[in-house]
Amino acid sequence: MADETETKVPTVAELEAKVARLVTQVETDTKAVAGVDEAVKRAMKSGALDEVLAATDSRTALLAALNKSTSQLKTARNAVTSANYSANAEKIAGIHNLLRDAKTNLPDAFMQLQDMGVTKLSVEISEETGKLVINSAGPNVKRTRAAGSGTGSRGQTLTVDGEEYASASAACRAFFPSSGPLNRDSIISKLTNAGHKVA
């Protein structure tokens, strides 16, 4: 019987603590590189070739450490952003549902959405279904996606000029056969900019 290990997803607080630790590490590594740069300069002025070589080797190792900690910091910050997106996505979808079902009014809903980083709210009636379509946007808001048959946007249909395509990629291939791979948002933008009606 295989041993199944459950991976624990870190909380936003744990991720933010990691970011704080890495910020300190990057600062420490940056100071260390600056210190060894000074040592290289002093050794070069004194003409001590052995000291120059030793300081240069030390600088190479310190730069590698700085690059690693900087990369880890970027990854940790992206993880915090992603965790916040995930945490907010459910709340935002819930508010969208309340609006759609007329259980809250627009000003109250928008005030709640602003607390989650929403700076723009668009509301329209789908020409296809006649249902209310609500989208939120902002610097801390990941674009919501309609439910598809799989994860992400794969298998999510796209209607262009009244014709339904199995996916955004299929629609892109139909209108732009020589186009390279693009994500769903880029395809929709490309089709819209070319004058097509996308739903």
C-alpha atoms as a PDB file:
ATOM      1  CA  MET A   1       0.000   0.000   0.000  1.00  0.00           C
ATOM      2  CA  ALA A   2       1.462   3.379  -1.036  1.00  0.00           C
ATOM      3  CA  ASP A   3       1.970   5.987   1.620  1.00  0.00           C
ATOM      4  CA  GLU A   4      -0.177   9.010   0.755  1.00  0.00           C
ATOM      5  CA  THR A   5       1.255  12.259   2.056  1.00  0.00           C
ATOM      6  CA  GLU A   6      -1.121  15.190   2.131  1.00  0.00           C
ATOM      7  CA  THR A   7       0.449  18.484   1.046  1.00  0.00           C
ATOM      8  CA  LYS A   8      -0.553  21.316   3.332  1.00  0.00           C
ATOM      9  CA  VAL A   9      -1.285  24.560   1.509  1.00  0.00           C
ATOM     10  CA  PRO A  10       0.318  27.485   3.359  1.00  0.00           C
ATOM     11  CA  THR A  11      -1.929  30.248   4.640  1.00  0.00           C
ATOM     12  CA  VAL A  12      -1.615  33.850   3.476  1.00  0.00           C
ATOM     13  CA  ALA A  13      -0.122  34.736   6.885  1.00  0.00           C
ATOM     14  CA  GLU A  14       2.530  32.004   6.509  1.00  0.00           C
ATOM     15  CA  LEU A  15       3.333  33.197   2.997  1.00  0.00           C
ATOM     16  CA  GLU A  16       3.593  36.824   4.162  1.00  0.00           C
ATOM     17  CA  ALA A  17       5.935  35.736   6.962  1.00  0.00           C
ATOM     18  CA  LYS A  18       8.099  33.978   4.365  1.00  0.00           C
ATOM     19  CA  VAL A  19       8.164  37.167   2.276  1.00  0.00           C
ATOM     20  CA  ALA A  20       9.300  39.157   5.332  1.00  0.00           C
ATOM     21  CA  ARG A  21      12.099  36.636   6.016  1.00  0.00           C
ATOM     22  CA  LEU A  22      13.210  36.750   2.394  1.00  0.00           C
ATOM     23  CA  VAL A  23      13.191  40.562   2.305  1.00  0.00           C
ATOM     24  CA  THR A  24      15.597  40.479   5.254  1.00  0.00           C
ATOM     25  CA  GLN A  25      17.704  37.817   3.508  1.00  0.00           C
ATOM     26  CA  VAL A  26      17.927  39.878   0.304  1.00  0.00           C
ATOM     27  CA  GLU A  27      18.997  42.935   2.322  1.00  0.00           C
ATOM     28  CA  THR A  28      21.657  40.867   4.122  1.00  0.00           C
ATOM     29  CA  ASP A  29      22.915  39.351   0.862  1.00  0.00           C
ATOM     30  CA  THR A  30      23.024  42.787  -0.822  1.00  0.00           C
ATOM     31  CA  LYS A  31      25.129  44.197   2.045  1.00  0.00           C
ATOM     32  CA  ALA A  32      27.458  41.188   1.852  1.00  0.00           C
ATOM     33  CA  VAL A  33      28.007  41.735  -1.880  1.00  0.00           C
ATOM     34  CA  ALA A  34      28.678  45.452  -1.283  1.00  0.00           C
ATOM     35  CA  GLY A  35      31.169  44.534   1.471  1.00  0.00           C
ATOM     36  CA  VAL A  36      33.083  42.122  -0.742  1.00  0.00           C
ATOM     37  CA  ASP A  37      33.104  44.696  -3.570  1.00  0.00           C
ATOM     38  CA  GLU A  38      34.910  47.049  -1.193  1.00  0.00           C
ATOM     39  CA  ALA A  39      37.340  44.260  -0.277  1.00  0.00           C
ATOM     40  CA  VAL A  40      38.095  43.678  -3.975  1.00  0.00           C
ATOM     41  CA  LYS A  41      38.776  47.414  -4.467  1.00  0.00           C
ATOM     42  CA  ARG A  42      41.086  47.549  -1.433  1.00  0.00           C
ATOM     43  CA  ALA A  43      42.962  44.446  -2.566  1.00  0.00           C
ATOM     44  CA  MET A  44      43.397  45.865  -6.068  1.00  0.00           C
ATOM     45  CA  LYS A  45      44.758  49.146  -4.685  1.00  0.00           C
ATOM     46  CA  SER A  46      47.234  47.294  -2.507  1.00  0.00           C
ATOM     47  CA  GLY A  47      48.289  45.100  -5.420  1.00  0.00           C
ATOM     48  CA  ALA A  48      47.766  41.892  -3.418  1.00  0.00           C
ATOM     49  CA  LEU A  49      46.858  39.427  -6.161  1.00  0.00           C
ATOM     50  CA  ASP A  50      45.993  36.593  -3.707  1.00  0.00           C
ATOM     51  CA  GLU A  51      43.552  38.858  -1.855  1.00  0.00           C
ATOM     52  CA  VAL A  52      41.968  40.001  -5.154  1.00  0.00           C
ATOM     53  CA  LEU A  53      41.438  36.387  -6.247  1.00  0.00           C
ATOM     54  CA  ALA A  54      40.020  35.354  -2.859  1.00  0.00           C
ATOM     55  CA  ALA A  55      37.672  38.362  -2.740  1.00  0.00           C
ATOM     56  CA  THR A  56      36.558  37.728  -6.344  1.00  0.00           C
ATOM     57  CA  ASP A  57      35.753  34.082  -5.549  1.00  0.00           C
ATOM     58  CA  SER A  58      33.861  35.203  -2.466  1.00  0.00           C
ATOM     59  CA  ARG A  59      31.952  37.786  -4.543  1.00  0.00           C
ATOM     60  CA  THR A  60      30.900  35.105  -7.057  1.00  0.00           C
ATOM     61  CA  ALA A  61      29.470  32.922  -4.277  1.00  0.00           C
ATOM     62  CA  LEU A  62      27.722  35.904  -2.631  1.00  0.00           C
ATOM     63  CA  LEU A  63      26.185  37.006  -5.950  1.00  0.00           C
ATOM     64  CA  ALA A  64      24.818  33.484  -6.465  1.00  0.00           C
ATOM     65  CA  ALA A  65      23.286  33.601  -2.984  1.00  0.00           C
ATOM     66  CA  LEU A  66      21.797  37.064  -3.676  1.00  0.00           C
ATOM     67  CA  ASN A  67      20.314  35.896  -6.995  1.00  0.00           C
ATOM     68  CA  LYS A  68      18.807  32.848  -5.287  1.00  0.00           C
ATOM     69  CA  SER A  69      17.245  34.820  -2.423  1.00  0.00           C
ATOM     70  CA  THR A  70      15.946  37.477  -4.870  1.00  0.00           C
ATOM     71  CA  SER A  71      14.337  34.764  -6.990  1.00  0.00           C
ATOM     72  CA  GLN A  72      12.809  33.124  -3.905  1.00  0.00           C
ATOM     73  CA  LEU A  73      11.442  36.509  -2.795  1.00  0.00           C
ATOM     74  CA  LYS A  74       9.781  37.054  -6.172  1.00  0.00           C
ATOM     75  CA  THR A  75       8.246  33.564  -6.025  1.00  0.00           C
ATOM     76  CA  ALA A  76       7.011  34.130  -2.458  1.00  0.00           C
ATOM     77  CA  ARG A  77       5.451  37.488  -3.375  1.00  0.00           C
ATOM     78  CA  ASN A  78       3.695  35.849  -6.337  1.00  0.00           C
ATOM     79  CA  ALA A  79       2.417  33.113  -4.002  1.00  0.00           C
ATOM     80  CA  VAL A  80       0.945  35.758  -1.665  1.00  0.00           C
ATOM     81  CA  THR A  81      -0.745  37.487  -4.612  1.00  0.00           C
ATOM     82  CA  SER A  82      -2.113  34.163  -5.852  1.00  0.00           C
ATOM     83  CA  ALA A  83      -3.386  33.219  -2.384  1.00  0.00           C
ATOM     84  CA  ASN A  84      -5.110  36.593  -2.078  1.00  0.00           C
ATOM     85  CA  TYR A  85      -6.665  36.095  -5.525  1.00  0.00           C
ATOM     86  CA  SER A  86      -7.962  32.694  -4.455  1.00  0.00           C
ATOM     87  CA  ALA A  87      -9.293  33.986  -1.148  1.00  0.00           C
ATOM     88  CA  ASN A  88     -11.029  36.890  -2.858  1.00  0.00           C
ATOM     89  CA  ALA A  89     -12.336  34.901  -5.833  1.00  0.00           C
ATOM     90  CA  GLU A  90     -14.935  33.028  -3.784  1.00  0.00           C
ATOM     91  CA  LYS A  91     -16.059  36.196  -2.001  1.00  0.00           C
ATOM     92  CA  ILE A  92     -16.272  38.131  -5.271  1.00  0.00           C
ATOM     93  CA  ALA A  93     -18.252  35.328  -6.928  1.00  0.00           C
ATOM     94  CA  GLY A  94     -20.626  35.320  -3.945  1.00  0.00           C
ATOM     95  CA  ILE A  95     -21.243  39.053  -4.295  1.00  0.00           C
ATOM     96  CA  HIS A  96     -21.765  38.626  -8.048  1.00  0.00           C
ATOM     97  CA  ASN A  97     -24.391  35.967  -7.300  1.00  0.00           C
ATOM     98  CA  LEU A  98     -26.157  38.246  -4.802  1.00  0.00           C
ATOM     99  CA  LEU A  99     -26.266  41.000  -7.429  1.00  0.00           C
ATOM    100  CA  ARG A 100     -27.457  38.617 -10.141  1.00  0.00           C
ATOM    101  CA  ASP A 101     -30.219  37.319  -7.862  1.00  0.00           C
ATOM    102  CA  ALA A 102     -31.194  40.901  -6.844  1.00  0.00           C
ATOM    103  CA  LYS A 103     -30.418  40.189  -3.175  1.00  0.00           C
ATOM    104  CA  THR A 104     -28.232  43.295  -2.843  1.00  0.00           C
ATOM    105  CA  ASN A 105     -28.020  46.656  -4.555  1.00  0.00           C
ATOM    106  CA  LEU A 106     -25.181  47.808  -6.788  1.00  0.00           C
ATOM    107  CA  PRO A 107     -23.682  50.540  -4.545  1.00  0.00           C
ATOM    108  CA  ASP A 108     -23.522  48.208  -1.511  1.00  0.00           C
ATOM    109  CA  ALA A 109     -22.061  45.394  -3.587  1.00  0.00           C
ATOM    110  CA  PHE A 110     -19.439  47.682  -5.096  1.00  0.00           C
ATOM    111  CA  MET A 111     -18.383  48.943  -1.661  1.00  0.00           C
ATOM    112  CA  GLN A 112     -17.848  45.329  -0.551  1.00  0.00           C
ATOM    113  CA  LEU A 113     -15.951  44.562  -3.748  1.00  0.00           C
ATOM    114  CA  GLN A 114     -13.696  47.594  -3.274  1.00  0.00           C
ATOM    115  CA  ASP A 115     -12.469  46.067  -0.004  1.00  0.00           C
ATOM    116  CA  MET A 116     -11.128  43.176  -2.102  1.00  0.00           C
ATOM    117  CA  GLY A 117      -9.314  45.403  -4.599  1.00  0.00           C
ATOM    118  CA  VAL A 118     -12.056  45.793  -7.197  1.00  0.00           C
ATOM    119  CA  THR A 119     -11.835  49.133  -9.002  1.00  0.00           C
ATOM    120  CA  LYS A 120     -14.150  48.367 -11.924  1.00  0.00           C
ATOM    121  CA  LEU A 121     -17.426  46.471 -12.132  1.00  0.00           C
ATOM    122  CA  SER A 122     -19.136  45.735 -15.434  1.00  0.00           C
ATOM    123  CA  VAL A 123     -22.712  44.549 -15.682  1.00  0.00           C
ATOM    124  CA  GLU A 124     -24.377  43.512 -18.921  1.00  0.00           C
ATOM    125  CA  ILE A 125     -27.084  41.247 -20.288  1.00  0.00           C
ATOM    126  CA  SER A 126     -25.815  38.309 -22.335  1.00  0.00           C
ATOM    127  CA  GLU A 127     -27.326  38.430 -25.811  1.00  0.00           C
ATOM    128  CA  GLU A 128     -27.102  34.649 -25.972  1.00  0.00           C
ATOM    129  CA  THR A 129     -28.678  33.657 -22.689  1.00  0.00           C
ATOM    130  CA  GLY A 130     -30.447  36.845 -21.629  1.00  0.00           C
ATOM    131  CA  LYS A 131     -28.843  36.455 -18.188  1.00  0.00           C
ATOM    132  CA  LEU A 132     -26.966  39.092 -16.260  1.00  0.00           C
ATOM    133  CA  VAL A 133     -23.173  38.888 -16.706  1.00  0.00           C
ATOM    134  CA  ILE A 134     -21.060  40.527 -13.988  1.00  0.00           C
ATOM    135  CA  ASN A 135     -17.281  41.005 -14.102  1.00  0.00           C
ATOM    136  CA  SER A 136     -14.944  42.628 -11.598  1.00  0.00           C
ATOM    137  CA  ALA A 137     -11.534  44.071 -12.352  1.00  0.00           C
ATOM    138  CA  GLY A 138      -8.746  45.695 -10.407  1.00  0.00           C
ATOM    139  CA  PRO A 139      -5.065  45.382  -9.587  1.00  0.00           C
ATOM    140  CA  ASN A 140      -5.718  42.685  -6.962  1.00  0.00           C
ATOM    141  CA  VAL A 141      -8.451  40.843  -8.844  1.00  0.00           C
ATOM    142  CA  LYS A 142      -7.822  37.931 -11.135  1.00  0.00           C
ATOM    143  CA  ARG A 143     -10.243  37.855 -14.039  1.00  0.00           C
ATOM    144  CA  THR A 144     -13.032  35.425 -13.206  1.00  0.00           C
ATOM    145  CA  ARG A 145     -13.754  32.623 -15.602  1.00  0.00           C
ATOM    146  CA  ALA A 146     -17.017  30.958 -16.390  1.00  0.00           C
ATOM    147  CA  ALA A 147     -17.355  27.348 -15.361  1.00  0.00           C
ATOM    148  CA  GLY A 148     -16.017  24.973 -17.965  1.00  0.00           C
ATOM    149  CA  SER A 149     -15.829  21.232 -18.304  1.00  0.00           C
ATOM    150  CA  GLY A 150     -12.316  21.152 -16.895  1.00  0.00           C
ATOM    151  CA  THR A 151      -9.913  23.261 -14.952  1.00  0.00           C
ATOM    152  CA  GLY A 152      -9.042  26.787 -16.009  1.00  0.00           C
ATOM    153  CA  SER A 153     -10.373  27.862 -19.383  1.00  0.00           C
ATOM    154  CA  ARG A 154      -9.820  24.583 -21.225  1.00  0.00           C
ATOM    155  CA  GLY A 155     -13.025  23.285 -22.731  1.00  0.00           C
ATOM    156  CA  GLN A 156     -14.711  26.635 -22.233  1.00  0.00           C
ATOM    157  CA  THR A 157     -16.731  27.552 -25.313  1.00  0.00           C
ATOM    158  CA  LEU A 158     -16.464  30.931 -27.013  1.00  0.00           C
ATOM    159  CA  THR A 159     -19.069  32.498 -29.291  1.00  0.00           C
ATOM    160  CA  VAL A 160     -17.770  34.733 -32.069  1.00  0.00           C
ATOM    161  CA  ASP A 161     -20.134  36.515 -34.462  1.00  0.00           C
ATOM    162  CA  GLY A 162     -22.948  34.210 -33.319  1.00  0.00           C
ATOM    163  CA  GLU A 163     -21.039  30.965 -33.953  1.00  0.00           C
ATOM    164  CA  GLU A 164     -19.955  28.850 -30.987  1.00  0.00           C
ATOM    165  CA  TYR A 165     -16.434  27.379 -30.903  1.00  0.00           C
ATOM    166  CA  ALA A 166     -15.273  24.592 -28.592  1.00  0.00           C
ATOM    167  CA  SER A 167     -12.594  26.864 -27.095  1.00  0.00           C
ATOM    168  CA  ALA A 168     -10.988  30.264 -27.513  1.00  0.00           C
ATOM    169  CA  SER A 169      -8.074  28.558 -29.277  1.00  0.00           C
ATOM    170  CA  ALA A 170     -10.455  26.974 -31.799  1.00  0.00           C
ATOM    171  CA  ALA A 171     -11.997  30.380 -32.501  1.00  0.00           C
ATOM    172  CA  CYS A 172      -8.543  31.912 -32.893  1.00  0.00           C
ATOM    173  CA  ARG A 173      -7.499  29.198 -35.374  1.00  0.00           C
ATOM    174  CA  ALA A 174     -10.683  29.806 -37.396  1.00  0.00           C
ATOM    175  CA  PHE A 175     -10.091  33.560 -37.741  1.00  0.00           C
ATOM    176  CA  PHE A 176      -6.282  33.755 -37.487  1.00  0.00           C
ATOM    177  CA  PRO A 177      -4.855  30.439 -38.787  1.00  0.00           C
ATOM    178  CA  SER A 178      -1.245  31.680 -38.666  1.00  0.00           C
ATOM    179  CA  SER A 179      -1.483  33.012 -35.094  1.00  0.00           C
ATOM    180  CA  GLY A 180       0.751  31.452 -32.472  1.00  0.00           C
ATOM    181  CA  PRO A 181      -0.527  30.203 -29.102  1.00  0.00           C
ATOM    182  CA  LEU A 182      -2.307  32.851 -27.006  1.00  0.00           C
ATOM    183  CA  ASN A 183      -4.189  32.790 -23.728  1.00  0.00           C
ATOM    184  CA  ARG A 184      -7.980  33.195 -23.657  1.00  0.00           C
ATOM    185  CA  ASP A 185      -7.919  36.895 -22.712  1.00  0.00           C
ATOM    186  CA  SER A 186      -5.469  37.689 -25.539  1.00  0.00           C
ATOM    187  CA  ILE A 187      -7.597  35.783 -28.056  1.00  0.00           C
ATOM    188  CA  ILE A 188     -10.755  37.631 -26.993  1.00  0.00           C
ATOM    189  CA  SER A 189      -8.911  40.943 -27.241  1.00  0.00           C
ATOM    190  CA  LYS A 190      -7.510  40.072 -30.679  1.00  0.00           C
ATOM    191  CA  LEU A 191     -10.962  39.065 -31.976  1.00  0.00           C
ATOM    192  CA  THR A 192     -12.620  42.175 -30.514  1.00  0.00           C
ATOM    193  CA  ASN A 193      -9.952  44.476 -31.943  1.00  0.00           C
ATOM    194  CA  ALA A 194     -10.479  42.862 -35.370  1.00  0.00           C
ATOM    195  CA  GLY A 195     -14.168  43.878 -35.185  1.00  0.00           C
ATOM    196  CA  HIS A 196     -15.710  40.539 -34.244  1.00  0.00           C
ATOM    197  CA  LYS A 197     -18.518  40.251 -31.693  1.00  0.00           C
ATOM    198  CA  VAL A 198     -17.375  37.986 -28.873  1.00  0.00           C
ATOM    199  CA  ALA A 199     -19.690  36.554 -26.210  1.00  0.00           C
END
